[in-house]
Amino acid sequence: MKRKFTIILLLSHIALQGVFALTIDIKGRVLHATNREAVEYANIVLQTPDSVFITGTVTGQKGDFSLDKVESGDYQLVISSIGYKTQYIDIHGYAKSLQLDEILLEDESIDLEGVTVTASATTNKSDRKIIFLSENQVKASTNGIDLLQQLMLPKLQVNPLFNEVKLPGGGELQYRINGVKVEVQDVTALKPADIIRIEFHDNPGLRYGNAEVVLDYIVYRPETGGSFGINLNDAVTSEWGNNSMNGKINHKKSEFSVYYGISHRNFYNMWRDNEEKFAFEDGSTLHRKEIGDPGHGEMYWQNLNGTYSFQDDNKMLNATFRYYTNNQPHWDYKGTLYNIDNTADAVYMIDNSSFKTHRPALDLYYQQNMKNDQTLVFNMVGTYNYTDNSRFYQESRENLILTNVDNLTIGKKYSLIGEGIYEKKIGDNRISGGLKHTQSWSDNDYKNGHDYTTNLYLLFILLRISILT
């Protein structure tokens, strides 16, 4: 009995210690060491002495930051921002909130085409940040997406394994190369050594549509020659891969480029555990739990981009043909559905689906730079989208079929979008006006014991005016 009492006291002591653990706040302000200006969007990371991440934040418009309710202990505070040397501050055993003095970041020296520039690698404009790359960032990167991981730009969530970049809240991220809108596959085909700078637009104007953030890669265009690259990324223990190849040829002011990517997945040990609850008109409910058996998942993606571009000091012409296809012949689940209130009430379930799409598109872009900081932009995109989606769902008990659903949906959509934009810069301000024409047709067939066909035609014209200060 005494032994049990001792254990209870020990556990109580541990619990009380956790409840009354001392927490502190860490606050500070980050400034440029030379001109004492605030450093906005600097990354603040609190980690243990052996580099285990604890928490983090970014600085605000005045360079200030706050880490709240941090347990008292030994830490290292890491302050970093593109173009500046990283600062490390040791924090040991503080028992009360800590207000740090002004933290000064010094410029990082950047080697740019043989010229050493001792200044910030970031130049702030009214509508964008211009980022020059360091030699270490270029060497540590394999493509244009992987490079973003090194830059640590605000808002961007980078997954270099899948070549994905996302924004918090799911906003639209737009990619451009030398001012021309491109897809993420075009960015993955970029060699970091060819990138002169990146223009980061976190307050884009009218010409960028509904984009929340725009990344414009300004790249070196040789007058002659070409390049070829291949990227192989395959799993060893399962059928999983992301592979691509790209090529480029330059001749004077013209450039021809092609990109082809293929991704595949094929899993034979895929299952689903799920719960579902139904409410009926008489007030009764049915609560079921699904226990999955191994199923089959198989899919293939293919991307083909071919581009011709012409560019000089005053005008730019870009024509791109894109073809995307996704073939998902198997996404098959099976298992047993149990009534949670009566486990003897069980049915066997099959849920098989397949999906196929083909999407060719032609994108024409023209930009004319005129005197007095004026710009004209014309863009036209034609797209055809074909989808074939089927699903077979069945519930049975002792060879008696209880539910049987067999759906097939075939969709065809044609669209033509044209846009013209005029832009005028007045000092740090920018005035834009544009006209957008959208036209689309759709033709859909549905089959589920009965055949249905729907047709839809849309046409609208939109006038937009934007003033960016």
Protein backbone atom coordinates (compact mmCIF):
# COMPACT_ATOMS: atom_id res chain seq x y z
CA MET A 1 0.00 0.00 0.00
CA LYS A 2 2.84 2.35 0.85
CA ARG A 3 4.46 1.65 -2.51
CA LYS A 4 1.31 2.58 -4.41
CA PHE A 5 1.00 5.81 -2.38
CA THR A 6 4.58 6.81 -3.30
CA ILE A 7 3.93 6.30 -7.00
CA ILE A 8 0.81 8.45 -6.86
CA LEU A 9 2.72 11.25 -5.17
CA LEU A 10 5.44 11.08 -7.82
CA LEU A 11 2.94 11.27 -10.67
CA SER A 12 1.16 14.15 -8.99
CA HIS A 13 4.44 16.02 -8.66
CA ILE A 14 5.17 15.56 -12.36
CA ALA A 15 1.68 16.73 -13.33
CA LEU A 16 1.89 19.82 -11.14
CA GLN A 17 5.30 20.63 -12.52
CA GLY A 18 3.85 20.54 -16.06
CA VAL A 19 0.88 22.73 -15.13
CA PHE A 20 2.97 25.40 -13.41
CA ALA A 21 5.92 25.35 -15.89
CA LEU A 22 7.33 28.89 -16.17
CA THR A 23 6.76 30.59 -19.52
CA ILE A 24 8.35 33.75 -20.87
CA ASP A 25 7.93 36.08 -23.85
CA ILE A 26 10.83 36.96 -26.14
CA LYS A 27 10.55 40.22 -28.07
CA GLY A 28 12.89 42.25 -30.21
CA ARG A 29 13.39 44.40 -33.28
CA VAL A 30 15.56 43.69 -36.33
CA LEU A 31 17.28 46.58 -38.14
CA HIS A 32 19.74 47.08 -40.98
CA ALA A 33 23.18 47.58 -39.43
CA THR A 34 24.14 50.48 -41.73
CA ASN A 35 21.04 52.67 -42.12
CA ARG A 36 18.98 51.45 -39.13
CA GLU A 37 15.97 50.72 -41.32
CA ALA A 38 13.57 47.98 -40.28
CA VAL A 39 14.14 44.55 -41.85
CA GLU A 40 10.71 43.27 -42.84
CA TYR A 41 9.87 39.54 -43.12
CA ALA A 42 13.12 38.40 -41.46
CA ASN A 43 12.87 34.80 -40.27
CA ILE A 44 12.99 34.34 -36.49
CA VAL A 45 13.64 30.77 -35.30
CA LEU A 46 13.93 29.62 -31.69
CA GLN A 47 15.78 26.33 -31.34
CA THR A 48 17.53 24.26 -28.70
CA PRO A 49 21.35 24.39 -28.44
CA ASP A 50 21.46 21.17 -30.54
CA SER A 51 19.33 22.82 -33.30
CA VAL A 52 15.91 21.27 -32.55
CA PHE A 53 13.17 23.63 -33.77
CA ILE A 54 10.89 25.03 -31.01
CA THR A 55 8.92 27.88 -32.59
CA GLY A 56 9.32 30.69 -35.09
CA THR A 57 7.84 33.81 -36.66
CA VAL A 58 8.71 36.66 -39.06
CA THR A 59 9.28 40.36 -38.42
CA GLY A 60 6.60 42.94 -39.15
CA GLN A 61 6.74 46.20 -41.08
CA LYS A 62 8.72 47.88 -38.28
CA GLY A 63 11.10 44.94 -37.91
CA ASP A 64 9.53 43.85 -34.63
CA PHE A 65 8.77 40.28 -33.55
CA SER A 66 7.37 38.42 -30.54
CA LEU A 67 7.60 34.79 -29.40
CA ASP A 68 4.96 34.29 -26.72
CA LYS A 69 4.60 31.72 -23.93
CA VAL A 70 7.94 29.99 -24.37
CA GLU A 71 8.96 27.63 -21.56
CA SER A 72 12.00 28.91 -19.66
CA GLY A 73 15.20 27.13 -20.66
CA ASP A 74 18.36 27.25 -22.76
CA TYR A 75 17.83 28.25 -26.40
CA GLN A 76 19.45 29.73 -29.48
CA LEU A 77 17.68 32.49 -31.41
CA VAL A 78 18.44 32.51 -35.16
CA ILE A 79 17.67 35.64 -37.21
CA SER A 80 18.01 35.35 -41.00
CA SER A 81 16.91 37.18 -44.13
CA ILE A 82 17.97 37.05 -47.75
CA GLY A 83 20.88 39.41 -48.40
CA TYR A 84 21.99 39.56 -44.75
CA LYS A 85 24.38 37.60 -42.57
CA THR A 86 22.57 35.28 -40.17
CA GLN A 87 22.64 36.30 -36.49
CA TYR A 88 22.79 33.80 -33.60
CA ILE A 89 21.85 34.82 -30.04
CA ASP A 90 22.24 32.45 -27.08
CA ILE A 91 19.52 32.56 -24.42
CA HIS A 92 20.34 30.74 -21.19
CA GLY A 93 18.14 30.27 -18.12
CA TYR A 94 15.97 33.40 -18.27
CA ALA A 95 13.18 33.23 -15.68
CA LYS A 96 11.32 36.32 -16.90
CA SER A 97 10.27 37.79 -20.23
CA LEU A 98 13.11 39.03 -22.40
CA GLN A 99 13.13 42.31 -24.35
CA LEU A 100 16.13 42.17 -26.67
CA ASP A 101 17.93 45.31 -27.77
CA GLU A 102 17.93 46.23 -31.44
CA ILE A 103 19.28 43.30 -33.45
CA LEU A 104 21.46 44.57 -36.30
CA LEU A 105 21.89 42.53 -39.50
CA GLU A 106 24.91 43.16 -41.69
CA ASP A 107 24.92 42.92 -45.48
CA GLU A 108 26.11 39.73 -47.09
CA SER A 109 28.63 40.03 -49.92
CA ILE A 110 27.28 38.70 -53.21
CA ASP A 111 29.47 37.64 -56.13
CA LEU A 112 27.57 38.61 -59.28
CA GLU A 113 29.23 37.75 -62.63
CA GLY A 114 32.71 38.46 -61.38
CA VAL A 115 31.78 41.67 -59.54
CA THR A 116 31.67 41.63 -55.74
CA VAL A 117 28.74 43.67 -54.47
CA THR A 118 28.75 44.49 -50.75
CA ALA A 119 25.10 45.41 -50.27
CA SER A 120 21.80 43.86 -49.50
CA ALA A 121 20.88 41.09 -51.98
CA THR A 122 17.32 42.43 -51.91
CA THR A 123 16.22 45.70 -53.47
CA ASN A 124 12.77 46.88 -52.37
CA LYS A 125 10.51 48.52 -54.95
CA SER A 126 6.98 49.82 -54.51
CA ASP A 127 5.48 46.72 -56.11
CA ARG A 128 8.14 43.99 -55.70
CA LYS A 129 11.36 42.79 -54.15
CA ILE A 130 14.34 42.14 -56.45
CA ILE A 131 16.45 39.26 -55.17
CA PHE A 132 19.99 38.50 -56.32
CA LEU A 133 21.31 35.03 -55.65
CA SER A 134 24.41 34.16 -53.70
CA GLU A 135 26.94 31.64 -54.99
CA ASN A 136 26.12 29.27 -52.13
CA GLN A 137 22.38 29.38 -52.90
CA VAL A 138 23.00 28.54 -56.55
CA LYS A 139 25.35 25.65 -55.73
CA ALA A 140 22.93 24.19 -53.16
CA SER A 141 19.98 24.13 -55.63
CA THR A 142 19.08 21.77 -58.46
CA ASN A 143 16.25 23.72 -60.17
CA GLY A 144 14.10 26.84 -59.89
CA ILE A 145 11.76 25.34 -57.28
CA ASP A 146 14.52 23.88 -55.13
CA LEU A 147 16.15 27.33 -55.16
CA LEU A 148 13.14 28.80 -53.32
CA GLN A 149 13.92 26.53 -50.38
CA GLN A 150 17.29 28.28 -50.06
CA LEU A 151 15.83 31.80 -50.35
CA MET A 152 13.28 31.42 -47.51
CA LEU A 153 10.90 33.95 -49.06
CA PRO A 154 7.93 35.06 -46.92
CA LYS A 155 4.57 33.30 -47.44
CA LEU A 156 6.03 30.48 -49.56
CA GLN A 157 5.74 26.88 -48.35
CA VAL A 158 8.18 24.85 -50.45
CA ASN A 159 8.18 21.07 -50.88
CA PRO A 160 11.27 20.34 -53.05
CA LEU A 161 10.59 16.57 -53.14
CA PHE A 162 7.35 17.03 -55.10
CA ASN A 163 8.37 20.37 -56.70
CA GLU A 164 5.42 22.08 -55.01
CA VAL A 165 5.03 25.60 -53.63
CA LYS A 166 1.94 26.68 -51.70
CA LEU A 167 0.66 29.86 -50.05
CA PRO A 168 -1.03 29.97 -46.63
CA GLY A 169 -4.78 30.06 -47.18
CA GLY A 170 -4.52 28.55 -50.66
CA GLY A 171 -3.99 31.80 -52.59
CA GLU A 172 -2.88 31.80 -56.25
CA LEU A 173 0.87 31.67 -56.91
CA GLN A 174 1.89 32.69 -60.42
CA TYR A 175 5.22 31.83 -62.09
CA ARG A 176 6.87 33.87 -64.84
CA ILE A 177 10.13 33.67 -66.74
CA ASN A 178 11.40 36.96 -68.15
CA GLY A 179 7.91 38.39 -67.65
CA VAL A 180 6.02 35.60 -69.45
CA LYS A 181 3.55 33.47 -67.51
CA VAL A 182 4.67 29.83 -67.28
CA GLU A 183 3.77 26.61 -65.45
CA VAL A 184 5.63 25.03 -62.55
CA GLN A 185 7.15 22.48 -64.95
CA ASP A 186 8.94 25.30 -66.78
CA VAL A 187 10.43 26.50 -63.48
CA THR A 188 11.66 23.01 -62.56
CA ALA A 189 13.48 22.95 -65.91
CA LEU A 190 15.49 26.09 -65.02
CA LYS A 191 19.15 25.75 -64.14
CA PRO A 192 19.96 27.94 -61.09
CA ALA A 193 23.20 29.10 -62.75
CA ASP A 194 21.14 30.72 -65.55
CA ILE A 195 19.00 32.79 -63.14
CA ILE A 196 20.16 36.41 -62.88
CA ARG A 197 17.61 37.43 -60.24
CA ILE A 198 14.10 36.72 -58.96
CA GLU A 199 11.45 39.43 -58.76
CA PHE A 200 9.07 38.70 -55.89
CA HIS A 201 5.70 40.49 -56.29
CA ASP A 202 3.71 40.30 -53.06
CA ASN A 203 1.40 43.13 -54.16
CA PRO A 204 0.84 42.33 -57.86
CA GLY A 205 -1.13 44.60 -60.15
CA LEU A 206 -3.88 44.13 -62.72
CA ARG A 207 -1.72 42.44 -65.37
CA TYR A 208 -1.22 39.46 -63.03
CA GLY A 209 -4.93 38.70 -62.70
CA ASN A 210 -6.00 37.32 -59.31
CA ALA A 211 -2.53 36.19 -58.25
CA GLU A 212 -1.64 36.78 -54.59
CA VAL A 213 2.10 36.31 -55.21
CA VAL A 214 4.09 36.40 -58.46
CA LEU A 215 7.58 34.93 -58.89
CA ASP A 216 9.31 36.27 -62.00
CA TYR A 217 12.58 34.51 -62.83
CA ILE A 218 14.86 36.78 -64.86
CA VAL A 219 17.18 34.39 -66.68
CA TYR A 220 20.20 34.71 -68.93
CA ARG A 221 19.42 34.16 -72.65
CA PRO A 222 22.47 33.31 -74.74
CA GLU A 223 22.44 34.29 -78.42
CA THR A 224 23.56 30.85 -79.57
CA GLY A 225 23.88 27.32 -78.26
CA GLY A 226 21.61 25.08 -76.25
CA SER A 227 21.25 22.81 -73.26
CA PHE A 228 19.71 19.51 -72.24
CA GLY A 229 18.76 18.19 -68.80
CA ILE A 230 17.20 15.13 -67.25
CA ASN A 231 15.81 14.58 -63.75
CA LEU A 232 15.09 11.06 -62.43
CA ASN A 233 13.34 10.65 -59.09
CA ASP A 234 12.17 7.06 -58.45
CA ALA A 235 11.49 5.10 -55.28
CA VAL A 236 13.41 1.89 -54.67
CA THR A 237 10.86 -0.10 -52.66
CA SER A 238 7.65 0.85 -54.52
CA GLU A 239 6.48 1.91 -57.96
CA TRP A 240 6.61 5.67 -57.49
CA GLY A 241 8.42 8.25 -59.60
CA ASN A 242 8.66 11.82 -60.85
CA ASN A 243 10.85 12.06 -63.97
CA SER A 244 11.44 14.81 -66.50
CA MET A 245 13.66 15.97 -69.33
CA ASN A 246 14.11 19.39 -70.94
CA GLY A 247 15.99 20.98 -73.80
CA LYS A 248 16.63 24.50 -75.09
CA ILE A 249 18.16 26.05 -78.22
CA ASN A 250 18.97 29.76 -78.65
CA HIS A 251 19.56 31.65 -81.87
CA LYS A 252 20.07 35.43 -81.67
CA LYS A 253 16.87 36.84 -80.13
CA SER A 254 14.87 33.62 -80.48
CA GLU A 255 14.62 30.68 -78.12
CA PHE A 256 13.08 27.23 -78.61
CA SER A 257 12.46 25.05 -75.55
CA VAL A 258 10.72 21.77 -74.76
CA TYR A 259 9.83 20.03 -71.50
CA TYR A 260 8.46 16.52 -70.96
CA GLY A 261 7.59 15.07 -67.56
CA ILE A 262 6.07 11.78 -66.49
CA SER A 263 5.00 10.70 -63.00
CA HIS A 264 3.65 7.30 -61.97
CA ARG A 265 2.18 5.58 -58.92
CA ASN A 266 1.23 1.90 -58.57
CA PHE A 267 0.28 0.58 -55.12
CA TYR A 268 -1.18 -2.86 -54.31
CA ASN A 269 -1.42 -2.43 -50.55
CA MET A 270 -3.70 0.60 -50.25
CA TRP A 271 -6.71 0.66 -47.96
CA ARG A 272 -9.15 3.07 -46.37
CA ASP A 273 -10.47 3.22 -42.79
CA ASN A 274 -13.52 5.44 -42.55
CA GLU A 275 -16.58 6.32 -40.47
CA GLU A 276 -19.94 7.50 -41.78
CA LYS A 277 -23.18 8.56 -40.12
CA PHE A 278 -26.64 8.81 -41.72
CA ALA A 279 -29.70 10.62 -40.32
CA PHE A 280 -33.14 9.53 -41.57
CA GLU A 281 -36.45 11.40 -41.73
CA ASP A 282 -37.97 9.35 -38.89
CA GLY A 283 -35.21 10.53 -36.54
CA SER A 284 -33.22 7.29 -36.55
CA THR A 285 -29.50 7.17 -37.37
CA LEU A 286 -27.05 4.68 -38.81
CA HIS A 287 -23.42 4.94 -37.70
CA ARG A 288 -21.01 2.69 -39.60
CA LYS A 289 -17.27 2.06 -39.51
CA GLU A 290 -15.29 0.87 -42.52
CA ILE A 291 -12.39 -1.56 -41.99
CA GLY A 292 -10.41 -1.66 -45.21
CA ASP A 293 -8.76 -4.57 -47.03
CA PRO A 294 -5.72 -4.08 -49.33
CA GLY A 295 -6.74 -2.45 -52.62
CA HIS A 296 -5.06 -1.10 -55.76
CA GLY A 297 -4.07 2.43 -56.77
CA GLU A 298 -2.52 3.20 -60.15
CA MET A 299 -2.07 6.53 -61.96
CA TYR A 300 0.13 8.21 -64.56
CA TRP A 301 0.63 11.91 -65.32
CA GLN A 302 2.32 13.32 -68.43
CA ASN A 303 3.23 16.91 -69.25
CA LEU A 304 4.54 18.25 -72.55
CA ASN A 305 5.43 21.94 -73.07
CA GLY A 306 6.88 23.37 -76.27
CA THR A 307 7.72 27.09 -76.44
CA TYR A 308 9.01 29.62 -78.95
CA SER A 309 9.93 33.11 -77.70
CA PHE A 310 11.37 36.25 -79.27
CA GLN A 311 12.68 39.05 -77.09
CA ASP A 312 14.49 42.36 -77.57
CA ASP A 313 14.65 45.61 -75.60
CA ASN A 314 11.18 46.82 -76.58
CA LYS A 315 9.00 43.82 -77.34
CA MET A 316 8.41 40.21 -76.43
CA LEU A 317 6.52 37.42 -78.22
CA ASN A 318 5.88 34.06 -76.63
CA ALA A 319 3.96 31.07 -78.05
CA THR A 320 3.52 27.95 -75.91
CA PHE A 321 1.77 24.67 -76.64
CA ARG A 322 0.95 22.58 -73.57
CA TYR A 323 -0.46 19.08 -73.35
CA TYR A 324 -1.37 17.46 -70.02
CA THR A 325 -2.81 14.00 -69.52
CA ASN A 326 -3.74 12.06 -66.40
CA ASN A 327 -4.67 8.39 -66.58
CA GLN A 328 -5.87 6.80 -63.34
CA PRO A 329 -7.13 3.32 -64.31
CA HIS A 330 -7.40 2.06 -60.73
CA TRP A 331 -8.29 3.73 -57.45
CA ASP A 332 -9.91 0.74 -55.84
CA TYR A 333 -11.00 0.26 -52.23
CA LYS A 334 -12.67 -2.71 -50.58
CA GLY A 335 -13.52 -3.70 -47.03
CA THR A 336 -16.26 -4.35 -44.49
CA LEU A 337 -18.78 -1.84 -43.14
CA TYR A 338 -19.84 -2.51 -39.54
CA ASN A 339 -22.83 -1.01 -37.74
CA ILE A 340 -21.22 0.53 -34.65
CA ASP A 341 -24.40 -0.01 -32.60
CA ASN A 342 -24.66 -3.65 -33.75
CA THR A 343 -21.39 -5.17 -34.97
CA ALA A 344 -23.22 -8.29 -36.21
CA ASP A 345 -24.82 -6.03 -38.83
CA ALA A 346 -22.05 -5.89 -41.46
CA VAL A 347 -21.83 -5.63 -45.24
CA TYR A 348 -19.00 -6.11 -47.72
CA MET A 349 -18.10 -3.01 -49.75
CA ILE A 350 -16.36 -2.41 -53.12
CA ASP A 351 -15.55 1.16 -54.25
CA ASN A 352 -13.67 1.27 -57.57
CA SER A 353 -13.08 4.44 -59.59
CA SER A 354 -11.11 5.45 -62.68
CA PHE A 355 -10.29 8.81 -64.17
CA LYS A 356 -8.82 10.04 -67.43
CA THR A 357 -8.21 13.56 -68.76
CA HIS A 358 -6.57 15.18 -71.79
CA ARG A 359 -5.91 18.91 -71.83
CA PRO A 360 -4.14 20.56 -74.79
CA ALA A 361 -3.73 24.36 -74.73
CA LEU A 362 -2.20 27.10 -76.87
CA ASP A 363 -0.99 30.29 -75.13
CA LEU A 364 0.01 33.43 -77.12
CA TYR A 365 1.57 36.40 -75.31
CA TYR A 366 2.81 39.74 -76.66
CA GLN A 367 4.27 42.69 -74.73
CA GLN A 368 5.30 46.08 -76.13
CA ASN A 369 7.32 48.52 -74.03
CA MET A 370 6.77 52.13 -75.07
CA LYS A 371 8.16 55.53 -74.13
CA ASN A 372 7.42 57.25 -70.83
CA ASP A 373 7.12 53.97 -68.84
CA GLN A 374 4.13 52.68 -70.77
CA THR A 375 3.42 49.02 -71.51
CA LEU A 376 0.90 47.17 -73.67
CA VAL A 377 0.19 43.47 -73.05
CA PHE A 378 -1.96 41.10 -75.12
CA ASN A 379 -2.63 37.50 -74.12
CA MET A 380 -4.83 34.81 -75.70
CA VAL A 381 -5.30 31.24 -74.44
CA GLY A 382 -7.28 28.45 -76.11
CA THR A 383 -7.94 25.22 -74.17
CA TYR A 384 -9.72 21.90 -74.72
CA ASN A 385 -10.47 19.78 -71.65
CA TYR A 386 -11.66 16.17 -71.93
CA THR A 387 -12.50 14.08 -68.84
CA ASP A 388 -13.73 10.50 -68.44
CA ASN A 389 -14.72 9.64 -64.85
CA SER A 390 -16.29 6.36 -63.74
CA ARG A 391 -17.21 4.88 -60.35
CA PHE A 392 -18.53 1.46 -59.37
CA TYR A 393 -19.80 1.15 -55.77
CA GLN A 394 -21.44 -1.97 -54.34
CA GLU A 395 -22.55 -3.23 -50.91
CA SER A 396 -23.47 -6.90 -50.43
CA ARG A 397 -24.24 -9.44 -47.72
CA GLU A 398 -24.03 -13.20 -48.29
CA ASN A 399 -24.02 -12.77 -52.10
CA LEU A 400 -27.10 -10.54 -51.89
CA ILE A 401 -26.47 -7.14 -53.51
CA LEU A 402 -27.88 -4.34 -51.33
CA THR A 403 -26.47 -1.25 -53.10
CA ASN A 404 -25.26 -1.02 -56.67
CA VAL A 405 -24.04 2.24 -58.25
CA ASP A 406 -22.35 2.37 -61.66
CA ASN A 407 -21.69 5.93 -62.89
CA LEU A 408 -19.90 7.26 -65.96
CA THR A 409 -19.34 10.97 -66.68
CA ILE A 410 -17.75 12.24 -69.89
CA GLY A 411 -17.02 15.95 -70.11
CA LYS A 412 -15.81 18.13 -72.97
CA LYS A 413 -15.02 21.80 -72.52
CA TYR A 414 -13.66 24.38 -74.95
CA SER A 415 -12.54 27.82 -73.84
CA LEU A 416 -11.05 30.93 -75.42
CA ILE A 417 -9.75 33.74 -73.20
CA GLY A 418 -8.32 36.99 -74.55
CA GLU A 419 -6.99 39.97 -72.58
CA GLY A 420 -5.47 43.36 -73.35
CA ILE A 421 -3.85 45.55 -70.68
CA TYR A 422 -2.38 49.06 -70.72
CA GLU A 423 -0.04 50.08 -67.89
CA LYS A 424 1.53 53.42 -67.03
CA LYS A 425 4.09 54.08 -64.29
CA ILE A 426 4.06 57.47 -62.56
CA GLY A 427 6.93 57.60 -60.08
CA ASP A 428 6.37 54.79 -57.61
CA ASN A 429 2.72 54.49 -58.62
CA ARG A 430 1.20 52.39 -61.38
CA ILE A 431 -2.10 52.79 -63.24
CA SER A 432 -3.51 49.84 -65.20
CA GLY A 433 -6.58 49.29 -67.33
CA GLY A 434 -7.66 46.22 -69.22
CA LEU A 435 -10.34 44.43 -71.19
CA LYS A 436 -10.91 40.68 -70.82
CA HIS A 437 -12.98 38.44 -73.11
CA THR A 438 -13.99 34.93 -71.98
CA GLN A 439 -15.86 32.42 -74.10
CA SER A 440 -16.49 28.75 -73.24
CA TRP A 441 -18.57 25.78 -74.37
CA SER A 442 -19.21 22.55 -72.46
CA ASP A 443 -20.77 19.25 -73.50
CA ASN A 444 -21.28 16.67 -70.73
CA ASP A 445 -22.72 13.11 -70.81
CA TYR A 446 -23.91 11.26 -67.67
CA LYS A 447 -24.71 7.54 -67.57
CA ASN A 448 -26.28 5.70 -64.62
CA GLY A 449 -28.97 3.44 -65.97
CA HIS A 450 -30.22 6.53 -67.84
CA ASP A 451 -28.36 8.76 -70.27
CA TYR A 452 -28.28 12.55 -69.83
CA THR A 453 -26.59 15.25 -71.90
CA THR A 454 -26.05 18.88 -70.91
CA ASN A 455 -24.73 21.79 -72.98
CA LEU A 456 -23.56 25.15 -71.67
CA TYR A 457 -22.31 28.27 -73.44
CA LEU A 458 -20.78 31.26 -71.60
CA LEU A 459 -19.65 34.64 -72.90
CA PHE A 460 -18.67 37.69 -70.88
CA ILE A 461 -16.49 40.78 -71.24
CA LEU A 462 -14.86 42.41 -68.24
CA LEU A 463 -13.40 45.93 -67.95
CA ARG A 464 -10.95 46.46 -65.08
CA ILE A 465 -9.01 49.50 -63.80
CA SER A 466 -6.36 49.31 -61.08
CA ILE A 467 -4.26 51.95 -59.27
CA LEU A 468 -1.29 50.62 -57.31
CA THR A 469 0.52 52.95 -54.91
